[in-house]
N, C-alpha and C. Protein backbone atom coordinates (compact mmCIF):
# COMPACT_ATOMS: atom_id res chain seq x y z
N MET A 1 -33.64 14.25 42.33
CA MET A 1 -32.76 14.88 43.24
C MET A 1 -31.25 14.19 43.23
N ILE A 2 -30.07 15.05 42.94
CA ILE A 2 -28.82 14.88 43.01
C ILE A 2 -28.33 14.73 44.28
N SER A 3 -27.75 13.80 44.55
CA SER A 3 -26.84 13.83 45.75
C SER A 3 -25.68 14.44 45.66
N SER A 4 -24.92 14.81 46.65
CA SER A 4 -23.73 15.65 46.79
C SER A 4 -22.73 14.63 46.95
N PRO A 5 -21.61 15.34 46.06
CA PRO A 5 -20.32 14.21 46.02
C PRO A 5 -19.92 14.19 47.49
N ALA A 6 -19.25 13.03 47.76
CA ALA A 6 -18.75 12.80 49.13
C ALA A 6 -17.23 12.62 49.15
N VAL A 7 -16.75 13.20 49.80
CA VAL A 7 -15.21 13.03 50.12
C VAL A 7 -14.76 12.52 51.30
N MET A 8 -13.88 11.39 51.02
CA MET A 8 -13.62 10.48 52.15
C MET A 8 -12.00 10.63 52.32
N PHE A 9 -11.55 10.65 53.40
CA PHE A 9 -10.00 10.38 53.86
C PHE A 9 -9.63 9.06 54.20
N GLU A 10 -8.93 8.31 53.42
CA GLU A 10 -8.65 6.91 53.92
C GLU A 10 -7.34 6.92 54.57
N ARG A 11 -6.52 7.78 54.41
CA ARG A 11 -5.26 8.02 55.13
C ARG A 11 -4.85 9.62 55.06
N GLU A 12 -3.81 10.08 55.56
CA GLU A 12 -3.62 11.54 55.40
C GLU A 12 -3.00 11.58 53.82
N SER A 13 -2.49 10.90 53.43
CA SER A 13 -1.94 10.98 52.24
C SER A 13 -2.83 10.43 51.00
N GLN A 14 -4.09 10.25 51.32
CA GLN A 14 -5.18 9.95 50.12
C GLN A 14 -6.36 10.29 50.41
N ALA A 15 -7.01 10.68 49.39
CA ALA A 15 -8.87 11.21 49.46
C ALA A 15 -9.25 10.78 48.40
N THR A 16 -10.73 10.28 48.63
CA THR A 16 -11.41 9.66 47.29
C THR A 16 -12.47 10.72 47.45
N VAL A 17 -13.08 11.19 46.15
CA VAL A 17 -14.22 11.85 45.92
C VAL A 17 -15.23 11.05 45.20
N ALA A 18 -16.20 10.62 45.90
CA ALA A 18 -17.20 9.74 45.12
C ALA A 18 -18.07 10.51 44.31
N VAL A 19 -18.36 10.41 43.05
CA VAL A 19 -19.05 11.33 42.19
C VAL A 19 -20.53 10.66 42.03
N PRO A 20 -21.51 11.40 42.49
CA PRO A 20 -23.04 10.79 42.62
C PRO A 20 -23.73 10.86 41.18
N GLY A 21 -24.04 9.75 40.65
CA GLY A 21 -24.66 9.79 39.51
C GLY A 21 -24.24 10.65 38.28
N ASP A 22 -25.07 11.28 37.30
CA ASP A 22 -24.41 12.07 36.24
C ASP A 22 -23.92 13.32 36.63
N VAL A 23 -22.82 13.38 35.94
CA VAL A 23 -22.25 14.68 36.26
C VAL A 23 -22.13 15.56 35.04
N ASP A 24 -23.44 16.62 35.25
CA ASP A 24 -23.68 17.90 34.46
C ASP A 24 -24.12 18.78 35.25
N GLY A 25 -24.40 19.85 34.47
CA GLY A 25 -25.04 21.39 35.14
C GLY A 25 -24.40 21.39 36.46
N PRO A 26 -25.42 21.68 37.50
CA PRO A 26 -25.10 21.86 38.94
C PRO A 26 -24.28 21.01 39.73
N ALA A 27 -24.04 19.73 39.20
CA ALA A 27 -23.22 18.71 39.86
C ALA A 27 -21.98 19.01 39.52
N VAL A 28 -21.57 19.56 38.50
CA VAL A 28 -20.11 19.81 38.00
C VAL A 28 -19.51 20.79 39.11
N THR A 29 -20.21 22.09 39.41
CA THR A 29 -19.97 23.01 40.42
C THR A 29 -19.62 22.19 41.72
N GLU A 30 -20.68 21.40 42.13
CA GLU A 30 -20.71 20.67 43.60
C GLU A 30 -19.55 19.92 43.55
N LEU A 31 -19.22 18.90 42.21
CA LEU A 31 -18.04 18.33 42.18
C LEU A 31 -16.81 18.97 42.47
N ASP A 32 -16.56 20.18 41.86
CA ASP A 32 -15.74 20.93 41.96
C ASP A 32 -15.35 21.28 43.36
N ALA A 33 -16.26 21.47 43.97
CA ALA A 33 -16.13 22.09 45.39
C ALA A 33 -15.83 21.12 46.44
N ALA A 34 -16.29 19.80 46.13
CA ALA A 34 -15.84 18.79 47.15
C ALA A 34 -14.35 18.30 46.55
N PHE A 35 -13.97 18.38 45.25
CA PHE A 35 -12.30 18.24 44.98
C PHE A 35 -11.54 19.40 45.67
N GLU A 36 -12.06 20.48 45.56
CA GLU A 36 -11.34 21.40 46.38
C GLU A 36 -11.25 21.32 47.81
N GLY A 37 -12.25 20.84 48.15
CA GLY A 37 -12.26 20.51 49.70
C GLY A 37 -11.21 19.51 50.10
N ALA A 38 -11.26 18.54 49.26
CA ALA A 38 -10.08 17.42 49.56
C ALA A 38 -8.71 17.97 49.26
N ARG A 39 -8.66 18.55 48.04
CA ARG A 39 -7.54 19.05 47.73
C ARG A 39 -6.58 20.02 48.95
N ARG A 40 -7.54 20.89 49.63
CA ARG A 40 -7.13 21.61 50.84
C ARG A 40 -6.48 21.06 51.89
N GLN A 41 -6.78 19.55 51.90
CA GLN A 41 -6.04 18.85 53.04
C GLN A 41 -4.72 18.18 52.65
N HIS A 42 -4.38 18.59 51.21
CA HIS A 42 -2.95 18.29 50.82
C HIS A 42 -2.69 16.89 50.65
N PRO A 43 -3.67 15.83 50.26
CA PRO A 43 -3.06 14.45 50.13
C PRO A 43 -2.32 14.38 48.95
N ALA A 44 -1.46 13.43 48.99
CA ALA A 44 -0.66 13.02 47.85
C ALA A 44 -1.35 12.65 46.57
N ILE A 45 -2.66 11.93 46.80
CA ILE A 45 -3.51 11.18 45.91
C ILE A 45 -4.89 11.60 46.11
N ILE A 46 -5.65 12.17 45.18
CA ILE A 46 -7.02 12.26 45.22
C ILE A 46 -7.76 11.17 44.03
N ARG A 47 -8.35 10.40 44.56
CA ARG A 47 -9.13 9.36 43.75
C ARG A 47 -10.41 9.96 43.54
N VAL A 48 -10.98 9.90 42.53
CA VAL A 48 -12.09 10.14 41.52
C VAL A 48 -12.95 9.19 41.36
N ASP A 49 -13.74 8.74 42.47
CA ASP A 49 -14.63 7.27 42.30
C ASP A 49 -15.76 7.58 41.37
N LEU A 50 -15.68 6.92 40.33
CA LEU A 50 -16.77 7.25 39.20
C LEU A 50 -17.90 5.95 39.20
N ARG A 51 -17.94 4.96 40.00
CA ARG A 51 -18.75 4.03 39.91
C ARG A 51 -20.19 4.30 39.79
N ALA A 52 -20.72 5.51 40.37
CA ALA A 52 -22.34 5.81 40.33
C ALA A 52 -22.39 6.71 39.20
N ALA A 53 -21.58 7.23 38.57
CA ALA A 53 -21.55 7.90 37.29
C ALA A 53 -22.28 7.24 36.10
N GLU A 54 -23.20 7.36 35.54
CA GLU A 54 -23.70 6.95 34.12
C GLU A 54 -23.21 7.65 33.12
N SER A 55 -22.99 8.81 33.03
CA SER A 55 -22.35 9.60 32.22
C SER A 55 -21.68 10.86 32.54
N ILE A 56 -20.89 11.35 31.72
CA ILE A 56 -20.22 12.66 32.29
C ILE A 56 -20.47 13.57 31.19
N SER A 57 -20.70 14.82 31.48
CA SER A 57 -20.79 16.08 30.50
C SER A 57 -19.27 16.63 29.89
N ARG A 58 -19.52 17.43 28.88
CA ARG A 58 -18.17 17.98 28.25
C ARG A 58 -17.85 18.89 29.59
N ALA A 59 -18.58 19.44 30.37
CA ALA A 59 -18.27 20.34 31.05
C ALA A 59 -17.55 19.23 32.46
N ALA A 60 -17.96 18.49 32.77
CA ALA A 60 -17.40 17.42 33.77
C ALA A 60 -15.85 17.06 33.09
N LEU A 61 -15.84 16.82 32.08
CA LEU A 61 -14.65 16.31 31.27
C LEU A 61 -13.58 17.40 31.26
N SER A 62 -14.06 18.76 30.81
CA SER A 62 -13.08 19.86 31.20
C SER A 62 -12.69 19.92 32.52
N LEU A 63 -13.44 19.81 33.61
CA LEU A 63 -13.16 19.89 34.99
C LEU A 63 -12.00 18.71 35.25
N PHE A 64 -12.44 17.61 34.76
CA PHE A 64 -11.27 16.56 35.14
C PHE A 64 -10.00 16.74 34.42
N LEU A 65 -10.00 17.64 33.12
CA LEU A 65 -8.62 18.05 32.60
C LEU A 65 -8.13 19.04 33.37
N ARG A 66 -8.73 19.95 34.10
CA ARG A 66 -8.34 21.28 34.88
C ARG A 66 -7.67 20.39 36.03
N TRP A 67 -8.31 19.67 36.60
CA TRP A 67 -7.62 18.90 37.97
C TRP A 67 -6.63 18.47 37.49
N GLN A 68 -6.32 17.72 36.32
CA GLN A 68 -5.20 16.91 35.98
C GLN A 68 -4.03 18.01 35.93
N GLU A 69 -4.24 19.03 35.35
CA GLU A 69 -3.19 19.95 35.16
C GLU A 69 -2.91 20.66 36.36
N LEU A 70 -3.71 21.07 37.19
CA LEU A 70 -3.59 21.65 38.60
C LEU A 70 -2.63 20.45 39.35
N ALA A 71 -2.91 19.12 39.24
CA ALA A 71 -2.39 18.17 40.06
C ALA A 71 -0.75 18.30 39.37
N GLN A 72 -0.48 18.18 38.06
CA GLN A 72 0.84 18.41 37.68
C GLN A 72 1.66 19.87 37.98
N ARG A 73 1.03 20.90 38.21
CA ARG A 73 1.52 22.08 38.69
C ARG A 73 1.81 21.88 40.22
N THR A 74 1.12 21.44 41.04
CA THR A 74 1.22 21.57 42.34
C THR A 74 1.58 20.37 42.96
N GLY A 75 1.87 19.29 42.16
CA GLY A 75 2.67 18.05 43.15
C GLY A 75 1.79 17.15 43.61
N PHE A 76 0.49 16.56 43.26
CA PHE A 76 -0.33 15.63 43.68
C PHE A 76 -1.00 14.85 42.43
N HIS A 77 -1.44 13.67 42.74
CA HIS A 77 -1.88 12.70 41.55
C HIS A 77 -3.46 12.61 41.61
N VAL A 78 -4.00 12.74 40.67
CA VAL A 78 -5.57 12.29 40.41
C VAL A 78 -5.81 10.96 39.51
N LEU A 79 -6.34 10.18 40.36
CA LEU A 79 -6.77 9.04 39.88
C LEU A 79 -8.31 8.58 39.82
N PHE A 80 -8.66 8.29 38.54
CA PHE A 80 -10.06 8.18 38.38
C PHE A 80 -10.19 6.41 38.27
N VAL A 81 -11.24 6.16 39.15
CA VAL A 81 -11.40 4.68 39.45
C VAL A 81 -12.94 4.33 39.19
N HIS A 82 -13.05 3.08 38.85
CA HIS A 82 -14.32 2.51 39.06
C HIS A 82 -15.09 3.07 37.92
N ALA A 83 -14.66 3.53 36.94
CA ALA A 83 -15.57 4.32 35.69
C ALA A 83 -16.24 2.77 34.78
N ARG A 84 -17.37 3.27 34.38
CA ARG A 84 -18.23 2.14 33.72
C ARG A 84 -17.39 2.39 32.20
N GLU A 85 -17.46 1.38 31.38
CA GLU A 85 -16.55 1.35 30.04
C GLU A 85 -16.79 2.72 29.25
N ARG A 86 -18.11 3.18 29.15
CA ARG A 86 -18.41 4.14 28.26
C ARG A 86 -17.47 5.29 28.93
N ILE A 87 -17.55 5.66 30.18
CA ILE A 87 -16.74 6.76 30.68
C ILE A 87 -15.34 6.38 30.64
N ALA A 88 -14.86 5.04 30.51
CA ALA A 88 -13.34 4.93 30.72
C ALA A 88 -13.07 5.19 29.46
N ASP A 89 -13.84 5.02 28.27
CA ASP A 89 -13.62 5.32 27.03
C ASP A 89 -13.27 6.91 26.72
N THR A 90 -14.18 7.45 27.29
CA THR A 90 -14.20 9.08 27.11
C THR A 90 -12.81 9.46 27.77
N LEU A 91 -12.58 8.95 29.21
CA LEU A 91 -11.40 9.32 29.61
C LEU A 91 -10.00 9.10 28.89
N ARG A 92 -10.10 7.97 28.13
CA ARG A 92 -8.81 7.40 27.25
C ARG A 92 -9.06 8.48 26.00
N ALA A 93 -10.11 8.81 25.55
CA ALA A 93 -10.13 9.82 24.36
C ALA A 93 -9.52 11.13 24.85
N ALA A 94 -9.57 11.48 25.90
CA ALA A 94 -9.25 12.62 26.58
C ALA A 94 -7.79 12.71 26.84
N GLY A 95 -7.03 11.51 26.99
CA GLY A 95 -5.62 11.60 27.24
C GLY A 95 -5.59 11.43 28.87
N LEU A 96 -6.76 10.93 29.61
CA LEU A 96 -6.56 10.75 30.86
C LEU A 96 -6.51 9.49 31.32
N ASP A 97 -6.32 8.52 30.15
CA ASP A 97 -6.15 7.25 30.53
C ASP A 97 -5.09 6.57 31.38
N SER A 98 -4.20 7.14 31.31
CA SER A 98 -2.82 7.05 32.37
C SER A 98 -3.30 7.22 33.68
N LEU A 99 -4.35 8.01 33.98
CA LEU A 99 -5.01 8.15 35.43
C LEU A 99 -6.15 7.28 35.57
N TYR A 100 -6.49 6.48 34.78
CA TYR A 100 -7.56 5.76 35.09
C TYR A 100 -7.14 4.42 35.88
N GLY A 101 -7.88 3.87 36.76
CA GLY A 101 -7.63 2.67 37.57
C GLY A 101 -9.12 2.07 37.45
N SER A 102 -9.06 0.65 37.30
CA SER A 102 -10.35 0.01 37.35
C SER A 102 -10.37 -0.85 38.83
N GLU A 103 -9.18 -0.77 39.64
CA GLU A 103 -9.67 -1.52 40.93
C GLU A 103 -8.83 -0.49 41.85
N GLU A 104 -9.43 -0.87 43.16
CA GLU A 104 -8.85 0.36 44.41
C GLU A 104 -7.45 -0.18 44.69
N THR A 105 -6.59 0.61 44.94
CA THR A 105 -5.25 0.31 45.41
C THR A 105 -5.27 0.62 46.93
């Protein structure tokens, strides 16, 4: 059973989307819905917490790239945090390394 992504608002200007487990198949759709729910609240930063993710699919990586493009067009920031080394390597290879943070801010 796949847990649903969780959205937490720390402050009005920041939200965190917690990624539950592997990100593939139906989880990608659920994750996108959680991200959109967070985005509708207009935070300046949306953090994507990857600490529970053991792997990400190509579909998930495409989703992350789409989120970054959306953020650049509409004026908010996406920050990927707490990724395992293998996932961090994938983020770097996709050009999302400037959006990766290993510690909470």
